[in-house]
Structure formats: structure tokens, C-alpha cells
Amino acid sequence: MSKKPRRKLGDVASGIREMAAPTPVSAVEPIHEATRPRENVDASGVRPRGFNLRKERVEKPHQSVYAHPVVFRELRKIAAAEGVKPQELYREGLREVFRRRGMDFDALDRGEEI
């Protein structure tokens, strides 16, 4: 049983040099039209109808509320009974807090300063 011959550093380096050599342009296959990325504009430079109709989403800071899980369960029940999401109930509570203090929650939520 004979051992495989060990590769020498020179052999490895020459293989790396061959791999790193630039490929001639004539050897590169042209991109098929079906695989080319589609542009968002047509030939006249106008976006197709219905493209990107949604407004850009603006991220708002997240703040956690800590309460017993029973509180959140009851809030979910109330929200389900009223046909809204719990988030709307949280906002309703914030509106009430700011109203009692003479501030407009909706104006603040739009980013308006007092």
C-alpha cells in the first residue's frame, strides 16, 4: 500500500494563481434576456400603473409595557369583542392620558411639537 504523494506549496500556489486569473471576455456567456433583472420603468421612463402605490413606512420607536399576563389576556378579549386590535386599545389609553393633561396625542403622534 503506497501513500499518495504530498502536494508541495508551489503546486498549491500555481493552482490558486490559475483560479485567480481573469477570464477573457470572449469566454463569458451573454446574459439571457429572461434572467436579466427587470427594470421598474418602461421604455418611456414611466413606472407601470399600480407600481409602488404604498407610502414609505416610517418606523416609530418601540416602547414595552410591563403588566401581568392576565392583563394582556383581558385586553385581547376586549379587543376581540370590539373587533379591533389590542394596539388600538393601547392608543386609546394613551389618548386619555394625554387628554387629561391637556395635550393632543394624535398631534404628538404625527410628530408635531407642543
N, C-alpha and C. Protein backbone atom coordinates (compact mmCIF):
# COMPACT_ATOMS: atom_id res chain seq x y z
N MET A 1 0.84 -1.16 0.00
CA MET A 1 0.00 0.00 0.00
C MET A 1 0.90 1.23 0.00
N SER A 2 0.75 2.03 -1.03
CA SER A 2 1.60 3.21 -1.12
C SER A 2 0.80 4.46 -0.76
N LYS A 3 1.50 5.42 -0.24
CA LYS A 3 0.87 6.68 0.15
C LYS A 3 0.75 7.59 -1.05
N LYS A 4 -0.24 8.47 -0.98
CA LYS A 4 -0.38 9.48 -2.03
C LYS A 4 0.78 10.46 -1.89
N PRO A 5 1.27 10.97 -3.01
CA PRO A 5 2.34 11.96 -2.89
C PRO A 5 1.80 13.25 -2.28
N ARG A 6 2.58 13.86 -1.42
CA ARG A 6 2.17 15.10 -0.78
C ARG A 6 2.26 16.24 -1.77
N ARG A 7 1.32 17.14 -1.69
CA ARG A 7 1.35 18.31 -2.56
C ARG A 7 2.35 19.31 -1.99
N LYS A 8 3.06 19.93 -2.87
CA LYS A 8 4.04 20.92 -2.44
C LYS A 8 3.40 22.30 -2.50
N LEU A 9 3.95 23.22 -1.75
CA LEU A 9 3.42 24.57 -1.69
C LEU A 9 3.40 25.22 -3.06
N GLY A 10 4.38 24.96 -3.88
CA GLY A 10 4.43 25.52 -5.23
C GLY A 10 3.26 25.05 -6.08
N ASP A 11 2.87 23.77 -5.92
CA ASP A 11 1.74 23.23 -6.68
C ASP A 11 0.44 23.93 -6.27
N VAL A 12 0.28 24.13 -4.97
CA VAL A 12 -0.92 24.78 -4.46
C VAL A 12 -0.98 26.22 -4.95
N ALA A 13 0.14 26.93 -4.87
CA ALA A 13 0.17 28.33 -5.28
C ALA A 13 -0.12 28.48 -6.76
N SER A 14 0.37 27.58 -7.59
CA SER A 14 0.11 27.70 -9.02
C SER A 14 -1.37 27.47 -9.32
N GLY A 15 -2.01 26.58 -8.56
CA GLY A 15 -3.44 26.36 -8.74
C GLY A 15 -4.25 27.58 -8.36
N ILE A 16 -3.83 28.26 -7.30
CA ILE A 16 -4.52 29.47 -6.86
C ILE A 16 -4.34 30.57 -7.91
N ARG A 17 -3.13 30.67 -8.46
CA ARG A 17 -2.90 31.69 -9.49
C ARG A 17 -3.77 31.43 -10.71
N GLU A 18 -3.95 30.17 -11.08
CA GLU A 18 -4.79 29.84 -12.23
C GLU A 18 -6.25 30.21 -11.95
N MET A 19 -6.70 29.95 -10.72
CA MET A 19 -8.08 30.28 -10.37
C MET A 19 -8.30 31.78 -10.34
N ALA A 20 -7.27 32.54 -9.94
CA ALA A 20 -7.41 33.98 -9.81
C ALA A 20 -7.22 34.71 -11.13
N ALA A 21 -6.77 34.01 -12.15
CA ALA A 21 -6.54 34.67 -13.44
C ALA A 21 -7.87 35.15 -14.02
N PRO A 22 -7.88 36.35 -14.60
CA PRO A 22 -9.13 36.87 -15.15
C PRO A 22 -9.60 36.05 -16.34
N THR A 23 -10.91 35.91 -16.45
CA THR A 23 -11.50 35.17 -17.56
C THR A 23 -11.61 36.11 -18.76
N PRO A 24 -11.16 35.68 -19.93
CA PRO A 24 -11.29 36.55 -21.09
C PRO A 24 -12.75 36.84 -21.40
N VAL A 25 -13.03 38.04 -21.88
CA VAL A 25 -14.40 38.48 -22.15
C VAL A 25 -15.07 37.56 -23.16
N SER A 26 -14.32 37.05 -24.12
CA SER A 26 -14.92 36.18 -25.14
C SER A 26 -15.42 34.86 -24.54
N ALA A 27 -14.88 34.47 -23.37
CA ALA A 27 -15.28 33.21 -22.74
C ALA A 27 -16.53 33.36 -21.88
N VAL A 28 -16.94 34.59 -21.60
CA VAL A 28 -18.11 34.83 -20.76
C VAL A 28 -19.37 34.71 -21.61
N GLU A 29 -20.33 33.93 -21.11
CA GLU A 29 -21.58 33.77 -21.85
C GLU A 29 -22.45 35.00 -21.66
N PRO A 30 -23.14 35.43 -22.69
CA PRO A 30 -24.03 36.59 -22.54
C PRO A 30 -25.22 36.23 -21.64
N ILE A 31 -25.74 37.23 -20.94
CA ILE A 31 -26.89 37.02 -20.06
C ILE A 31 -28.13 36.84 -20.91
N HIS A 32 -28.87 35.78 -20.64
CA HIS A 32 -30.11 35.54 -21.36
C HIS A 32 -31.14 36.58 -20.93
N GLU A 33 -31.96 37.04 -21.84
CA GLU A 33 -32.93 38.11 -21.57
C GLU A 33 -33.87 37.76 -20.42
N ALA A 34 -34.23 36.48 -20.29
CA ALA A 34 -35.17 36.08 -19.23
C ALA A 34 -34.53 36.17 -17.85
N THR A 35 -33.20 36.06 -17.76
CA THR A 35 -32.55 36.12 -16.46
C THR A 35 -32.09 37.52 -16.10
N ARG A 36 -32.21 38.45 -17.02
CA ARG A 36 -31.80 39.83 -16.76
C ARG A 36 -32.78 40.46 -15.78
N PRO A 37 -32.29 41.22 -14.79
CA PRO A 37 -33.22 41.85 -13.84
C PRO A 37 -34.15 42.82 -14.55
N ARG A 38 -35.42 42.80 -14.18
CA ARG A 38 -36.41 43.67 -14.81
C ARG A 38 -36.27 45.08 -14.25
N GLU A 39 -36.44 46.03 -15.08
CA GLU A 39 -36.38 47.43 -14.67
C GLU A 39 -37.75 47.86 -14.16
N ASN A 40 -37.78 48.87 -13.32
CA ASN A 40 -39.04 49.37 -12.77
C ASN A 40 -39.69 50.42 -13.67
N VAL A 41 -39.08 50.70 -14.79
CA VAL A 41 -39.63 51.69 -15.71
C VAL A 41 -39.74 51.08 -17.10
N ASP A 42 -40.67 51.59 -17.89
CA ASP A 42 -40.78 51.10 -19.26
C ASP A 42 -39.88 51.94 -20.17
N ALA A 43 -39.98 51.74 -21.46
CA ALA A 43 -39.10 52.42 -22.41
C ALA A 43 -39.24 53.94 -22.36
N SER A 44 -40.42 54.44 -21.99
CA SER A 44 -40.62 55.89 -21.93
C SER A 44 -40.13 56.49 -20.62
N GLY A 45 -39.67 55.65 -19.69
CA GLY A 45 -39.16 56.15 -18.42
C GLY A 45 -40.24 56.32 -17.36
N VAL A 46 -41.43 55.76 -17.61
CA VAL A 46 -42.55 55.90 -16.68
C VAL A 46 -42.76 54.57 -15.97
N ARG A 47 -43.03 54.63 -14.67
CA ARG A 47 -43.30 53.39 -13.93
C ARG A 47 -44.65 52.82 -14.35
N PRO A 48 -44.77 51.50 -14.35
CA PRO A 48 -46.05 50.89 -14.71
C PRO A 48 -47.15 51.30 -13.74
N ARG A 49 -48.37 51.30 -14.23
CA ARG A 49 -49.52 51.68 -13.40
C ARG A 49 -49.64 50.72 -12.22
N GLY A 50 -49.85 51.26 -11.04
CA GLY A 50 -50.01 50.44 -9.85
C GLY A 50 -48.70 50.06 -9.18
N PHE A 51 -47.58 50.54 -9.68
CA PHE A 51 -46.29 50.18 -9.11
C PHE A 51 -45.95 51.11 -7.96
N ASN A 52 -45.62 50.55 -6.81
CA ASN A 52 -45.23 51.32 -5.61
C ASN A 52 -46.27 52.36 -5.22
N LEU A 53 -47.50 51.94 -5.06
CA LEU A 53 -48.54 52.88 -4.67
C LEU A 53 -48.53 53.14 -3.17
N ARG A 54 -47.97 52.20 -2.39
CA ARG A 54 -47.96 52.38 -0.95
C ARG A 54 -46.95 53.45 -0.54
N LYS A 55 -47.30 54.17 0.51
CA LYS A 55 -46.37 55.16 1.05
C LYS A 55 -45.23 54.43 1.74
N GLU A 56 -44.10 55.10 1.81
CA GLU A 56 -42.96 54.53 2.50
C GLU A 56 -43.28 54.44 3.99
N ARG A 57 -42.96 53.31 4.60
CA ARG A 57 -43.27 53.10 6.01
C ARG A 57 -42.23 53.82 6.87
N VAL A 58 -42.72 54.60 7.81
CA VAL A 58 -41.85 55.31 8.72
C VAL A 58 -41.82 54.55 10.03
N GLU A 59 -40.64 54.17 10.46
CA GLU A 59 -40.52 53.42 11.71
C GLU A 59 -40.70 54.35 12.90
N LYS A 60 -41.41 53.86 13.89
CA LYS A 60 -41.61 54.61 15.12
C LYS A 60 -40.92 53.84 16.24
N PRO A 61 -40.44 54.56 17.25
CA PRO A 61 -39.76 53.86 18.35
C PRO A 61 -40.72 52.92 19.07
N HIS A 62 -40.17 51.82 19.53
CA HIS A 62 -40.96 50.82 20.24
C HIS A 62 -40.76 51.00 21.74
N GLN A 63 -41.85 50.92 22.49
CA GLN A 63 -41.77 51.00 23.95
C GLN A 63 -42.60 49.87 24.52
N SER A 64 -42.03 49.12 25.42
CA SER A 64 -42.73 47.99 26.01
C SER A 64 -43.56 48.42 27.21
N VAL A 65 -44.63 47.68 27.44
CA VAL A 65 -45.46 47.88 28.63
C VAL A 65 -45.38 46.59 29.42
N TYR A 66 -45.07 46.70 30.69
CA TYR A 66 -44.96 45.52 31.54
C TYR A 66 -46.21 45.42 32.40
N ALA A 67 -46.89 44.29 32.29
CA ALA A 67 -48.08 44.02 33.09
C ALA A 67 -48.22 42.51 33.21
N HIS A 68 -49.07 42.09 34.11
CA HIS A 68 -49.30 40.66 34.31
C HIS A 68 -49.93 40.08 33.04
N PRO A 69 -49.61 38.84 32.70
CA PRO A 69 -50.20 38.22 31.51
C PRO A 69 -51.73 38.23 31.50
N VAL A 70 -52.34 38.21 32.68
CA VAL A 70 -53.80 38.25 32.76
C VAL A 70 -54.32 39.57 32.18
N VAL A 71 -53.59 40.67 32.42
CA VAL A 71 -53.99 41.97 31.88
C VAL A 71 -54.03 41.92 30.36
N PHE A 72 -52.98 41.36 29.76
CA PHE A 72 -52.93 41.29 28.30
C PHE A 72 -53.99 40.34 27.74
N ARG A 73 -54.26 39.26 28.47
CA ARG A 73 -55.31 38.34 28.03
C ARG A 73 -56.66 39.04 28.01
N GLU A 74 -56.95 39.82 29.05
CA GLU A 74 -58.23 40.54 29.11
C GLU A 74 -58.30 41.61 28.03
N LEU A 75 -57.17 42.29 27.78
CA LEU A 75 -57.15 43.28 26.70
C LEU A 75 -57.44 42.63 25.35
N ARG A 76 -56.87 41.44 25.12
CA ARG A 76 -57.15 40.73 23.86
C ARG A 76 -58.62 40.35 23.76
N LYS A 77 -59.22 39.95 24.89
CA LYS A 77 -60.65 39.61 24.90
C LYS A 77 -61.50 40.83 24.56
N ILE A 78 -61.17 41.97 25.17
CA ILE A 78 -61.92 43.21 24.90
C ILE A 78 -61.77 43.59 23.43
N ALA A 79 -60.54 43.50 22.93
CA ALA A 79 -60.28 43.86 21.53
C ALA A 79 -61.08 42.95 20.59
N ALA A 80 -61.10 41.65 20.89
CA ALA A 80 -61.85 40.72 20.05
C ALA A 80 -63.34 41.02 20.09
N ALA A 81 -63.85 41.34 21.28
CA ALA A 81 -65.28 41.64 21.41
C ALA A 81 -65.65 42.91 20.64
N GLU A 82 -64.73 43.88 20.59
CA GLU A 82 -65.00 45.14 19.90
C GLU A 82 -64.57 45.11 18.44
N GLY A 83 -63.91 44.04 18.03
CA GLY A 83 -63.48 43.91 16.63
C GLY A 83 -62.32 44.81 16.27
N VAL A 84 -61.44 45.07 17.24
CA VAL A 84 -60.25 45.88 16.98
C VAL A 84 -59.03 45.10 17.44
N LYS A 85 -57.86 45.65 17.19
CA LYS A 85 -56.62 45.03 17.66
C LYS A 85 -56.25 45.61 19.02
N PRO A 86 -55.52 44.86 19.84
CA PRO A 86 -55.10 45.39 21.14
C PRO A 86 -54.33 46.70 21.02
N GLN A 87 -53.59 46.88 19.94
CA GLN A 87 -52.84 48.13 19.73
C GLN A 87 -53.77 49.34 19.78
N GLU A 88 -54.96 49.21 19.23
CA GLU A 88 -55.91 50.33 19.24
C GLU A 88 -56.35 50.65 20.67
N LEU A 89 -56.47 49.63 21.51
CA LEU A 89 -56.82 49.88 22.91
C LEU A 89 -55.68 50.59 23.64
N TYR A 90 -54.44 50.21 23.32
CA TYR A 90 -53.30 50.89 23.94
C TYR A 90 -53.30 52.36 23.54
N ARG A 91 -53.56 52.62 22.26
CA ARG A 91 -53.58 54.01 21.78
C ARG A 91 -54.74 54.79 22.42
N GLU A 92 -55.86 54.11 22.63
CA GLU A 92 -57.00 54.75 23.29
C GLU A 92 -56.61 55.18 24.70
N GLY A 93 -55.89 54.32 25.40
CA GLY A 93 -55.42 54.65 26.75
C GLY A 93 -54.45 55.82 26.73
N LEU A 94 -53.54 55.84 25.77
CA LEU A 94 -52.59 56.95 25.66
C LEU A 94 -53.32 58.26 25.35
N ARG A 95 -54.32 58.19 24.48
CA ARG A 95 -55.11 59.41 24.18
C ARG A 95 -55.72 59.97 25.46
N GLU A 96 -56.27 59.08 26.28
CA GLU A 96 -56.90 59.52 27.53
C GLU A 96 -55.88 60.14 28.49
N VAL A 97 -54.71 59.53 28.60
CA VAL A 97 -53.66 60.06 29.47
C VAL A 97 -53.27 61.47 29.03
N PHE A 98 -53.04 61.65 27.73
CA PHE A 98 -52.63 62.97 27.23
C PHE A 98 -53.78 63.97 27.30
N ARG A 99 -55.02 63.53 27.06
CA ARG A 99 -56.17 64.43 27.13
C ARG A 99 -56.31 65.00 28.54
N ARG A 100 -56.13 64.16 29.56
CA ARG A 100 -56.23 64.62 30.95
C ARG A 100 -55.18 65.67 31.27
N ARG A 101 -54.09 65.64 30.55
CA ARG A 101 -53.01 66.59 30.79
C ARG A 101 -53.00 67.74 29.79
N GLY A 102 -54.08 67.84 29.02
CA GLY A 102 -54.24 68.97 28.10
C GLY A 102 -53.40 68.89 26.84
N MET A 103 -53.03 67.68 26.42
CA MET A 103 -52.22 67.52 25.21
C MET A 103 -52.98 66.67 24.20
N ASP A 104 -52.64 66.86 22.93
CA ASP A 104 -53.28 66.12 21.84
C ASP A 104 -52.38 64.96 21.42
N PHE A 105 -52.79 63.74 21.74
CA PHE A 105 -51.99 62.56 21.41
C PHE A 105 -51.79 62.42 19.91
N ASP A 106 -52.84 62.62 19.13
CA ASP A 106 -52.74 62.43 17.69
C ASP A 106 -51.76 63.42 17.05
N ALA A 107 -51.76 64.66 17.54
CA ALA A 107 -50.80 65.64 17.02
C ALA A 107 -49.38 65.23 17.39
N LEU A 108 -49.20 64.78 18.62
CA LEU A 108 -47.87 64.33 19.04
C LEU A 108 -47.44 63.11 18.23
N ASP A 109 -48.38 62.21 17.95
CA ASP A 109 -48.07 61.00 17.20
C ASP A 109 -47.67 61.32 15.76
N ARG A 110 -48.15 62.43 15.23
CA ARG A 110 -47.75 62.86 13.88
C ARG A 110 -46.39 63.55 13.90
N GLY A 111 -45.83 63.76 15.11
CA GLY A 111 -44.52 64.38 15.22
C GLY A 111 -44.56 65.87 15.46
N GLU A 112 -45.75 66.41 15.70
CA GLU A 112 -45.86 67.85 15.95
C GLU A 112 -45.41 68.15 17.37
N GLU A 113 -44.64 69.20 17.51
CA GLU A 113 -44.17 69.63 18.83
C GLU A 113 -45.26 70.43 19.53
N ILE A 114 -45.22 70.43 20.85
CA ILE A 114 -46.21 71.18 21.63
C ILE A 114 -45.75 72.62 21.76
